Amino acid sequence: MYLSELLGERLGELASERLEVFEHRMLEELRKLTPTSFYDPLVYAVRGGKRIRPLILLFASEILGPPPLDPYPAAIAVELLHCESLIHDDIIDKETSRRGLEPFYLKFGPVLSMLSADFVLGLSLNFLSRYKRSLLMRAIANELSRSVMEMCEGELLENELLNSGKAGWRYYLKVVRLKTAPLFRASAKLGGLIATKGRRSEVVKALTKYGLLVGIAYQLRDDVLDAEKGEDLALRLSSLDNVERIQRLSRSLVEKAKMELRRFSSSPAREVLERIAEIMVEREI
């Protein structure tokens, strides 16, 4: 289900317009791939996502008005990196289903699952090279590289904690902050960097904080939903006997994220970003 379906009629229409362009341009980029043997697997990998991260990036780039630079290459890079992270998650967790389909690693095998990660990283660098302003390109590259490294650290930490039996609220929050939040943070920050042409500013700081808080809240809600289905990973990592504390924290973080957006003038972009934050703790999927 696309996020636009949860935004309401007016905001959903705005999101649908951006997503229509996004989907067209992402598939166009994939059609240009050489070698073409990666085309079908990557089209399969991106199928069916909510597109939360690219939508955050696109609307963050509009927070001051029409974006001065094309935000779509960065949005596509973020979504491809996210989809690649899901491939790795499924391998680690031995998942048997992803978005109602066979997981990538079972359909295409371990070799292509490994090589696709290297390929997507190279492809993402290609997208970033299109931002000709050296200051902007450097800032975007620094944030994306930091995010990918933190995501890997989070995955490894979670695996180590589960194998060692270590648990506690502090460990749990560190995993959440590293494993899931970085790409949300990057999406909002990249949008802010595009909106300001790469300048360090209060705009970028506020959007970065917004993205981080929304990313943490997203994972906390995910863990609550999993616990309601009988999966106990969050409870094992946090040493909690129920998920009420997790749900309370997710709501609190969303309110703080919305406060960051109040630094900006009222606009459709701000409204969409506020509503995205709210959906993170309301969603049932």
C-alpha atoms as a PDB file:
ATOM      1  CA  MET A   1       0.000   0.000   0.000  1.00  0.00           C
ATOM      2  CA  TYR A   2       1.378   3.390  -1.004  1.00  0.00           C
ATOM      3  CA  LEU A   3       1.568   6.001   1.736  1.00  0.00           C
ATOM      4  CA  SER A   4      -0.534   8.345  -0.390  1.00  0.00           C
ATOM      5  CA  GLU A   5      -3.567   6.159   0.338  1.00  0.00           C
ATOM      6  CA  LEU A   6      -3.251   6.967   4.056  1.00  0.00           C
ATOM      7  CA  LEU A   7      -2.787  10.724   3.731  1.00  0.00           C
ATOM      8  CA  GLY A   8      -6.398  11.682   3.031  1.00  0.00           C
ATOM      9  CA  GLU A   9      -7.873  12.963  -0.207  1.00  0.00           C
ATOM     10  CA  ARG A  10      -6.182  16.353  -0.587  1.00  0.00           C
ATOM     11  CA  LEU A  11      -2.711  15.456   0.679  1.00  0.00           C
ATOM     12  CA  GLY A  12      -2.946  12.015  -0.892  1.00  0.00           C
ATOM     13  CA  GLU A  13      -3.487  13.608  -4.290  1.00  0.00           C
ATOM     14  CA  LEU A  14      -0.317  15.652  -3.867  1.00  0.00           C
ATOM     15  CA  ALA A  15       1.631  12.549  -2.848  1.00  0.00           C
ATOM     16  CA  SER A  16       0.199  10.529  -5.744  1.00  0.00           C
ATOM     17  CA  GLU A  17       1.391  13.160  -8.204  1.00  0.00           C
ATOM     18  CA  ARG A  18       4.944  12.928  -6.851  1.00  0.00           C
ATOM     19  CA  LEU A  19       4.819   9.133  -6.741  1.00  0.00           C
ATOM     20  CA  GLU A  20       3.662   8.864 -10.328  1.00  0.00           C
ATOM     21  CA  VAL A  21       6.718  10.813 -11.441  1.00  0.00           C
ATOM     22  CA  PHE A  22       8.936   8.879  -9.033  1.00  0.00           C
ATOM     23  CA  GLU A  23       7.823   5.441 -10.251  1.00  0.00           C
ATOM     24  CA  HIS A  24       8.206   6.458 -13.900  1.00  0.00           C
ATOM     25  CA  ARG A  25      11.666   7.882 -13.399  1.00  0.00           C
ATOM     26  CA  MET A  26      12.890   4.992 -11.242  1.00  0.00           C
ATOM     27  CA  LEU A  27      11.840   2.429 -13.850  1.00  0.00           C
ATOM     28  CA  GLU A  28      13.374   4.554 -16.604  1.00  0.00           C
ATOM     29  CA  GLU A  29      16.677   4.547 -14.708  1.00  0.00           C
ATOM     30  CA  LEU A  30      16.525   0.780 -14.244  1.00  0.00           C
ATOM     31  CA  ARG A  31      15.841   0.304 -17.968  1.00  0.00           C
ATOM     32  CA  LYS A  32      19.169   2.005 -18.718  1.00  0.00           C
ATOM     33  CA  LEU A  33      21.107  -0.568 -16.710  1.00  0.00           C
ATOM     34  CA  THR A  34      24.178  -2.239 -18.121  1.00  0.00           C
ATOM     35  CA  PRO A  35      24.531  -5.158 -17.707  1.00  0.00           C
ATOM     36  CA  THR A  36      20.820  -5.664 -18.243  1.00  0.00           C
ATOM     37  CA  SER A  37      20.892  -8.881 -16.186  1.00  0.00           C
ATOM     38  CA  PHE A  38      20.268  -6.705 -13.105  1.00  0.00           C
ATOM     39  CA  TYR A  39      17.103  -5.130 -14.523  1.00  0.00           C
ATOM     40  CA  ASP A  40      14.502  -7.816 -13.733  1.00  0.00           C
ATOM     41  CA  PRO A  41      15.856  -8.556 -10.229  1.00  0.00           C
ATOM     42  CA  LEU A  42      15.894  -4.880  -9.237  1.00  0.00           C
ATOM     43  CA  VAL A  43      12.406  -4.278 -10.632  1.00  0.00           C
ATOM     44  CA  TYR A  44      11.313  -7.228  -8.474  1.00  0.00           C
ATOM     45  CA  ALA A  45      13.136  -5.794  -5.443  1.00  0.00           C
ATOM     46  CA  VAL A  46      11.399  -2.396  -5.616  1.00  0.00           C
ATOM     47  CA  ARG A  47       7.913  -3.802  -6.244  1.00  0.00           C
ATOM     48  CA  GLY A  48       5.213  -2.982  -3.701  1.00  0.00           C
ATOM     49  CA  GLY A  49       6.946  -0.660  -1.245  1.00  0.00           C
ATOM     50  CA  LYS A  50       5.204   2.107   0.697  1.00  0.00           C
ATOM     51  CA  ARG A  51       7.705   4.685  -0.669  1.00  0.00           C
ATOM     52  CA  ILE A  52       7.863   6.477   2.682  1.00  0.00           C
ATOM     53  CA  ARG A  53      11.487   7.550   2.353  1.00  0.00           C
ATOM     54  CA  PRO A  54      11.318   9.023  -1.162  1.00  0.00           C
ATOM     55  CA  LEU A  55       8.121  10.868  -0.272  1.00  0.00           C
ATOM     56  CA  ILE A  56       9.794  12.388   2.786  1.00  0.00           C
ATOM     57  CA  LEU A  57      12.726  13.472   0.622  1.00  0.00           C
ATOM     58  CA  LEU A  58      10.533  14.945  -2.113  1.00  0.00           C
ATOM     59  CA  PHE A  59       8.345  16.961   0.231  1.00  0.00           C
ATOM     60  CA  ALA A  60      11.314  18.031   2.364  1.00  0.00           C
ATOM     61  CA  SER A  61      12.833  19.461  -0.812  1.00  0.00           C
ATOM     62  CA  GLU A  62       9.674  21.584  -1.180  1.00  0.00           C
ATOM     63  CA  ILE A  63       9.623  22.905   2.388  1.00  0.00           C
ATOM     64  CA  LEU A  64      10.747  26.377   1.233  1.00  0.00           C
ATOM     65  CA  GLY A  65       8.822  26.291  -2.044  1.00  0.00           C
ATOM     66  CA  PRO A  66       9.478  24.618  -5.408  1.00  0.00           C
ATOM     67  CA  PRO A  67      12.824  22.775  -5.166  1.00  0.00           C
ATOM     68  CA  PRO A  68      15.651  24.654  -6.907  1.00  0.00           C
ATOM     69  CA  LEU A  69      17.234  21.371  -8.037  1.00  0.00           C
ATOM     70  CA  ASP A  70      15.880  18.021  -9.216  1.00  0.00           C
ATOM     71  CA  PRO A  71      15.192  15.883  -6.099  1.00  0.00           C
ATOM     72  CA  TYR A  72      14.341  12.659  -7.940  1.00  0.00           C
ATOM     73  CA  PRO A  73      17.852  11.173  -8.406  1.00  0.00           C
ATOM     74  CA  ALA A  74      18.390  11.378  -4.631  1.00  0.00           C
ATOM     75  CA  ALA A  75      14.922   9.939  -3.945  1.00  0.00           C
ATOM     76  CA  ILE A  76      15.594   6.988  -6.241  1.00  0.00           C
ATOM     77  CA  ALA A  77      18.976   6.345  -4.605  1.00  0.00           C
ATOM     78  CA  VAL A  78      17.374   6.308  -1.157  1.00  0.00           C
ATOM     79  CA  GLU A  79      14.636   3.862  -2.197  1.00  0.00           C
ATOM     80  CA  LEU A  80      17.069   1.490  -3.905  1.00  0.00           C
ATOM     81  CA  LEU A  81      19.307   1.451  -0.836  1.00  0.00           C
ATOM     82  CA  HIS A  82      16.272   0.755   1.333  1.00  0.00           C
ATOM     83  CA  CYS A  83      15.132  -2.133  -0.865  1.00  0.00           C
ATOM     84  CA  GLU A  84      18.643  -3.573  -0.805  1.00  0.00           C
ATOM     85  CA  SER A  85      18.629  -3.432   3.000  1.00  0.00           C
ATOM     86  CA  LEU A  86      15.420  -5.485   2.976  1.00  0.00           C
ATOM     87  CA  ILE A  87      17.157  -8.172   0.920  1.00  0.00           C
ATOM     88  CA  HIS A  88      19.825  -8.412   3.611  1.00  0.00           C
ATOM     89  CA  ASP A  89      17.233  -8.386   6.398  1.00  0.00           C
ATOM     90  CA  ASP A  90      15.432 -11.317   4.801  1.00  0.00           C
ATOM     91  CA  ILE A  91      18.643 -13.335   4.477  1.00  0.00           C
ATOM     92  CA  ILE A  92      19.608 -12.701   8.111  1.00  0.00           C
ATOM     93  CA  ASP A  93      16.105 -13.421   9.426  1.00  0.00           C
ATOM     94  CA  LYS A  94      15.467 -16.318   7.009  1.00  0.00           C
ATOM     95  CA  GLU A  95      12.169 -14.742   5.938  1.00  0.00           C
ATOM     96  CA  THR A  96       9.898 -16.713   3.623  1.00  0.00           C
ATOM     97  CA  SER A  97       7.760 -13.787   2.420  1.00  0.00           C
ATOM     98  CA  ARG A  98       8.297 -10.109   1.623  1.00  0.00           C
ATOM     99  CA  ARG A  99       5.465  -7.815   0.536  1.00  0.00           C
ATOM    100  CA  GLY A 100       3.392 -10.875  -0.273  1.00  0.00           C
ATOM    101  CA  LEU A 101       6.075 -12.235  -2.609  1.00  0.00           C
ATOM    102  CA  GLU A 102       8.934 -14.709  -2.393  1.00  0.00           C
ATOM    103  CA  PRO A 103      11.968 -12.969  -0.816  1.00  0.00           C
ATOM    104  CA  PHE A 104      14.645 -11.835  -3.234  1.00  0.00           C
ATOM    105  CA  TYR A 105      17.287 -14.229  -1.907  1.00  0.00           C
ATOM    106  CA  LEU A 106      15.052 -17.269  -2.416  1.00  0.00           C
ATOM    107  CA  LYS A 107      13.944 -16.203  -5.889  1.00  0.00           C
ATOM    108  CA  PHE A 108      17.337 -15.113  -7.260  1.00  0.00           C
ATOM    109  CA  GLY A 109      19.824 -16.955  -5.043  1.00  0.00           C
ATOM    110  CA  PRO A 110      22.721 -15.891  -2.804  1.00  0.00           C
ATOM    111  CA  VAL A 111      25.109 -14.764  -5.557  1.00  0.00           C
ATOM    112  CA  LEU A 112      22.761 -12.211  -7.095  1.00  0.00           C
ATOM    113  CA  SER A 113      21.606 -11.147  -3.627  1.00  0.00           C
ATOM    114  CA  MET A 114      25.205 -10.299  -2.758  1.00  0.00           C
ATOM    115  CA  LEU A 115      26.125  -8.688  -6.082  1.00  0.00           C
ATOM    116  CA  SER A 116      22.949  -6.620  -6.211  1.00  0.00           C
ATOM    117  CA  ALA A 117      24.090  -4.772  -3.086  1.00  0.00           C
ATOM    118  CA  ASP A 118      27.378  -3.779  -4.709  1.00  0.00           C
ATOM    119  CA  PHE A 119      25.524  -2.859  -7.894  1.00  0.00           C
ATOM    120  CA  VAL A 120      22.988  -0.654  -6.101  1.00  0.00           C
ATOM    121  CA  LEU A 121      25.756   1.123  -4.217  1.00  0.00           C
ATOM    122  CA  GLY A 122      27.449   1.938  -7.529  1.00  0.00           C
ATOM    123  CA  LEU A 123      24.140   2.997  -9.036  1.00  0.00           C
ATOM    124  CA  SER A 124      23.456   5.298  -6.096  1.00  0.00           C
ATOM    125  CA  LEU A 125      26.834   6.971  -6.544  1.00  0.00           C
ATOM    126  CA  ASN A 126      25.913   7.562 -10.175  1.00  0.00           C
ATOM    127  CA  PHE A 127      22.710   9.315  -9.121  1.00  0.00           C
ATOM    128  CA  LEU A 128      24.559  11.492  -6.626  1.00  0.00           C
ATOM    129  CA  SER A 129      27.109  12.521  -9.264  1.00  0.00           C
ATOM    130  CA  ARG A 130      24.323  14.340 -11.099  1.00  0.00           C
ATOM    131  CA  TYR A 131      24.323  17.082  -8.491  1.00  0.00           C
ATOM    132  CA  LYS A 132      27.011  19.204 -10.084  1.00  0.00           C
ATOM    133  CA  ARG A 133      27.426  21.610  -7.177  1.00  0.00           C
ATOM    134  CA  SER A 134      30.426  20.242  -5.285  1.00  0.00           C
ATOM    135  CA  LEU A 135      29.158  21.426  -1.881  1.00  0.00           C
ATOM    136  CA  LEU A 136      25.789  19.737  -2.356  1.00  0.00           C
ATOM    137  CA  MET A 137      27.252  16.536  -3.809  1.00  0.00           C
ATOM    138  CA  ARG A 138      29.696  16.217  -0.913  1.00  0.00           C
ATOM    139  CA  ALA A 139      27.000  16.831   1.695  1.00  0.00           C
ATOM    140  CA  ILE A 140      24.627  14.294   0.128  1.00  0.00           C
ATOM    141  CA  ALA A 141      27.362  11.688  -0.272  1.00  0.00           C
ATOM    142  CA  ASN A 142      28.498  12.146   3.337  1.00  0.00           C
ATOM    143  CA  GLU A 143      24.970  11.685   4.694  1.00  0.00           C
ATOM    144  CA  LEU A 144      24.157   8.627   2.577  1.00  0.00           C
ATOM    145  CA  SER A 145      27.470   6.919   3.321  1.00  0.00           C
ATOM    146  CA  ARG A 146      27.005   7.590   7.033  1.00  0.00           C
ATOM    147  CA  SER A 147      23.481   6.176   6.897  1.00  0.00           C
ATOM    148  CA  VAL A 148      24.500   2.966   5.137  1.00  0.00           C
ATOM    149  CA  MET A 149      27.342   2.354   7.579  1.00  0.00           C
ATOM    150  CA  GLU A 150      25.059   2.928  10.565  1.00  0.00           C
ATOM    151  CA  MET A 151      22.444   0.557   9.150  1.00  0.00           C
ATOM    152  CA  CYS A 152      25.084  -2.162   8.814  1.00  0.00           C
ATOM    153  CA  GLU A 153      26.263  -1.483  12.363  1.00  0.00           C
ATOM    154  CA  GLY A 154      22.684  -1.766  13.619  1.00  0.00           C
ATOM    155  CA  GLU A 155      22.097  -5.089  11.892  1.00  0.00           C
ATOM    156  CA  LEU A 156      25.327  -6.482  13.293  1.00  0.00           C
ATOM    157  CA  LEU A 157      24.603  -5.188  16.800  1.00  0.00           C
ATOM    158  CA  GLU A 158      21.139  -6.750  16.802  1.00  0.00           C
ATOM    159  CA  ASN A 159      22.581 -10.091  15.719  1.00  0.00           C
ATOM    160  CA  GLU A 160      25.323  -9.945  18.366  1.00  0.00           C
ATOM    161  CA  LEU A 161      22.868  -9.068  21.123  1.00  0.00           C
ATOM    162  CA  LEU A 162      20.519 -11.892  20.193  1.00  0.00           C
ATOM    163  CA  ASN A 163      23.367 -14.409  20.075  1.00  0.00           C
ATOM    164  CA  SER A 164      24.867 -13.241  23.377  1.00  0.00           C
ATOM    165  CA  GLY A 165      21.567 -12.977  25.211  1.00  0.00           C
ATOM    166  CA  LYS A 166      22.260  -9.375  26.215  1.00  0.00           C
ATOM    167  CA  ALA A 167      19.165  -7.251  26.553  1.00  0.00           C
ATOM    168  CA  GLY A 168      17.926  -3.971  27.959  1.00  0.00           C
ATOM    169  CA  TRP A 169      16.131  -0.780  27.001  1.00  0.00           C
ATOM    170  CA  ARG A 170      19.393   1.005  26.124  1.00  0.00           C
ATOM    171  CA  TYR A 171      20.536  -1.807  23.828  1.00  0.00           C
ATOM    172  CA  TYR A 172      17.151  -1.948  22.151  1.00  0.00           C
ATOM    173  CA  LEU A 173      17.017   1.796  21.428  1.00  0.00           C
ATOM    174  CA  LYS A 174      20.556   1.743  20.061  1.00  0.00           C
ATOM    175  CA  VAL A 175      19.598  -0.977  17.586  1.00  0.00           C
ATOM    176  CA  VAL A 176      16.510   0.981  16.511  1.00  0.00           C
ATOM    177  CA  ARG A 177      18.470   4.210  16.127  1.00  0.00           C
ATOM    178  CA  LEU A 178      21.149   2.533  14.007  1.00  0.00           C
ATOM    179  CA  LYS A 179      19.214  -0.045  12.031  1.00  0.00           C
ATOM    180  CA  THR A 180      16.147   1.853  10.814  1.00  0.00           C
ATOM    181  CA  ALA A 181      16.335   5.564  11.596  1.00  0.00           C
ATOM    182  CA  PRO A 182      19.398   6.531   9.487  1.00  0.00           C
ATOM    183  CA  LEU A 183      17.712   6.261   6.093  1.00  0.00           C
ATOM    184  CA  PHE A 184      14.710   8.246   7.337  1.00  0.00           C
ATOM    185  CA  ARG A 185      17.113  10.887   8.625  1.00  0.00           C
ATOM    186  CA  ALA A 186      18.972  10.870   5.315  1.00  0.00           C
ATOM    187  CA  SER A 187      15.759  11.236   3.324  1.00  0.00           C
ATOM    188  CA  ALA A 188      14.686  14.356   5.200  1.00  0.00           C
ATOM    189  CA  LYS A 189      18.199  15.799   5.307  1.00  0.00           C
ATOM    190  CA  LEU A 190      18.795  15.256   1.585  1.00  0.00           C
ATOM    191  CA  GLY A 191      15.529  17.011   0.855  1.00  0.00           C
ATOM    192  CA  GLY A 192      16.671  19.933   2.994  1.00  0.00           C
ATOM    193  CA  LEU A 193      20.064  20.027   1.301  1.00  0.00           C
ATOM    194  CA  ILE A 194      18.397  20.153  -2.105  1.00  0.00           C
ATOM    195  CA  ALA A 195      16.028  22.898  -0.912  1.00  0.00           C
ATOM    196  CA  THR A 196      19.002  25.002   0.253  1.00  0.00           C
ATOM    197  CA  LYS A 197      21.453  23.975  -2.528  1.00  0.00           C
ATOM    198  CA  GLY A 198      23.733  22.284  -0.028  1.00  0.00           C
ATOM    199  CA  ARG A 199      24.053  25.061   2.531  1.00  0.00           C
ATOM    200  CA  ARG A 200      24.279  24.175   6.208  1.00  0.00           C
ATOM    201  CA  SER A 201      21.317  25.900   7.787  1.00  0.00           C
ATOM    202  CA  GLU A 202      18.580  25.697  10.378  1.00  0.00           C
ATOM    203  CA  VAL A 203      16.374  24.279   7.615  1.00  0.00           C
ATOM    204  CA  VAL A 204      18.631  21.267   7.199  1.00  0.00           C
ATOM    205  CA  LYS A 205      19.040  20.811  10.963  1.00  0.00           C
ATOM    206  CA  ALA A 206      15.298  20.822  11.602  1.00  0.00           C
ATOM    207  CA  LEU A 207      14.560  18.382   8.784  1.00  0.00           C
ATOM    208  CA  THR A 208      17.392  16.105   9.906  1.00  0.00           C
ATOM    209  CA  LYS A 209      15.939  15.973  13.427  1.00  0.00           C
ATOM    210  CA  TYR A 210      12.461  15.370  11.993  1.00  0.00           C
ATOM    211  CA  GLY A 211      13.694  12.450   9.884  1.00  0.00           C
ATOM    212  CA  LEU A 212      15.563  10.835  12.769  1.00  0.00           C
ATOM    213  CA  LEU A 213      12.574  11.053  15.113  1.00  0.00           C
ATOM    214  CA  VAL A 214      10.139   9.732  12.502  1.00  0.00           C
ATOM    215  CA  GLY A 215      12.504   6.868  11.674  1.00  0.00           C
ATOM    216  CA  ILE A 216      12.764   5.783  15.297  1.00  0.00           C
ATOM    217  CA  ALA A 217       8.988   6.070  15.738  1.00  0.00           C
ATOM    218  CA  TYR A 218       8.451   4.005  12.584  1.00  0.00           C
ATOM    219  CA  GLN A 219      10.535   1.107  13.915  1.00  0.00           C
ATOM    220  CA  LEU A 220       8.957   1.301  17.358  1.00  0.00           C
ATOM    221  CA  ARG A 221       5.499   1.005  15.780  1.00  0.00           C
ATOM    222  CA  ASP A 222       6.751  -1.869  13.635  1.00  0.00           C
ATOM    223  CA  ASP A 223       7.886  -3.660  16.770  1.00  0.00           C
ATOM    224  CA  VAL A 224       4.532  -3.087  18.469  1.00  0.00           C
ATOM    225  CA  LEU A 225       2.718  -4.537  15.451  1.00  0.00           C
ATOM    226  CA  ASP A 226       5.066  -7.535  15.404  1.00  0.00           C
ATOM    227  CA  ALA A 227       4.522  -8.129  19.116  1.00  0.00           C
ATOM    228  CA  GLU A 228       0.762  -8.064  18.585  1.00  0.00           C
ATOM    229  CA  LYS A 229       1.259 -10.843  16.022  1.00  0.00           C
ATOM    230  CA  GLY A 230       3.231 -12.906  18.534  1.00  0.00           C
ATOM    231  CA  GLU A 231       6.771 -11.996  17.482  1.00  0.00           C
ATOM    232  CA  ASP A 232       8.871 -11.206  20.562  1.00  0.00           C
ATOM    233  CA  LEU A 233      12.083  -9.699  19.130  1.00  0.00           C
ATOM    234  CA  ALA A 234      11.526  -6.221  20.603  1.00  0.00           C
ATOM    235  CA  LEU A 235      10.600  -7.657  23.995  1.00  0.00           C
ATOM    236  CA  ARG A 236      13.683  -9.896  23.983  1.00  0.00           C
ATOM    237  CA  LEU A 237      15.988  -7.003  23.120  1.00  0.00           C
ATOM    238  CA  SER A 238      14.399  -4.470  25.472  1.00  0.00           C
ATOM    239  CA  SER A 239      13.707  -6.788  28.448  1.00  0.00           C
ATOM    240  CA  LEU A 240      10.137  -5.464  28.624  1.00  0.00           C
ATOM    241  CA  ASP A 241       7.176  -7.659  29.472  1.00  0.00           C
ATOM    242  CA  ASN A 242       4.809  -5.643  27.229  1.00  0.00           C
ATOM    243  CA  VAL A 243       4.988  -3.057  24.461  1.00  0.00           C
ATOM    244  CA  GLU A 244       3.158  -0.167  26.134  1.00  0.00           C
ATOM    245  CA  ARG A 245       6.380   1.715  26.833  1.00  0.00           C
ATOM    246  CA  ILE A 246       7.440   1.297  23.205  1.00  0.00           C
ATOM    247  CA  GLN A 247       4.130   2.637  21.923  1.00  0.00           C
ATOM    248  CA  ARG A 248       4.194   5.624  24.306  1.00  0.00           C
ATOM    249  CA  LEU A 249       7.691   6.534  23.176  1.00  0.00           C
ATOM    250  CA  SER A 250       6.737   6.322  19.495  1.00  0.00           C
ATOM    251  CA  ARG A 251       3.881   8.795  20.031  1.00  0.00           C
ATOM    252  CA  SER A 252       6.148  11.152  21.949  1.00  0.00           C
ATOM    253  CA  LEU A 253       8.770  11.123  19.198  1.00  0.00           C
ATOM    254  CA  VAL A 254       6.174  11.905  16.542  1.00  0.00           C
ATOM    255  CA  GLU A 255       5.027  14.964  18.478  1.00  0.00           C
ATOM    256  CA  LYS A 256       8.633  16.142  18.728  1.00  0.00           C
ATOM    257  CA  ALA A 257       9.101  15.574  14.983  1.00  0.00           C
ATOM    258  CA  LYS A 258       6.045  17.711  14.241  1.00  0.00           C
ATOM    259  CA  MET A 259       7.459  20.441  16.499  1.00  0.00           C
ATOM    260  CA  GLU A 260      10.554  20.584  14.281  1.00  0.00           C
ATOM    261  CA  LEU A 261       8.334  21.272  11.277  1.00  0.00           C
ATOM    262  CA  ARG A 262       6.681  24.217  13.007  1.00  0.00           C
ATOM    263  CA  ARG A 263       9.857  26.164  12.338  1.00  0.00           C
ATOM    264  CA  PHE A 264       8.616  26.447   8.751  1.00  0.00           C
ATOM    265  CA  SER A 265       5.756  28.445   7.291  1.00  0.00           C
ATOM    266  CA  SER A 266       2.518  26.578   6.718  1.00  0.00           C
ATOM    267  CA  SER A 267       2.520  24.875   3.310  1.00  0.00           C
ATOM    268  CA  PRO A 268       1.268  21.695   1.617  1.00  0.00           C
ATOM    269  CA  ALA A 269       4.760  20.203   1.960  1.00  0.00           C
ATOM    270  CA  ARG A 270       4.767  20.814   5.718  1.00  0.00           C
ATOM    271  CA  GLU A 271       1.268  19.358   6.022  1.00  0.00           C
ATOM    272  CA  VAL A 272       2.282  16.192   4.204  1.00  0.00           C
ATOM    273  CA  LEU A 273       5.372  15.743   6.370  1.00  0.00           C
ATOM    274  CA  GLU A 274       3.313  16.278   9.529  1.00  0.00           C
ATOM    275  CA  ARG A 275       0.754  13.732   8.379  1.00  0.00           C
ATOM    276  CA  ILE A 276       3.464  11.215   7.481  1.00  0.00           C
ATOM    277  CA  ALA A 277       4.760  11.502  11.050  1.00  0.00           C
ATOM    278  CA  GLU A 278       1.286  10.832  12.443  1.00  0.00           C
ATOM    279  CA  ILE A 279       0.764   7.825  10.190  1.00  0.00           C
ATOM    280  CA  MET A 280       3.944   6.254  11.556  1.00  0.00           C
ATOM    281  CA  VAL A 281       2.194   5.565  14.871  1.00  0.00           C
ATOM    282  CA  GLU A 282      -1.344   5.048  13.534  1.00  0.00           C
ATOM    283  CA  ARG A 283      -0.635   2.478  10.822  1.00  0.00           C
ATOM    284  CA  GLU A 284      -1.667  -1.152  11.106  1.00  0.00           C
ATOM    285  CA  ILE A 285       0.770  -2.479   8.461  1.00  0.00           C
END
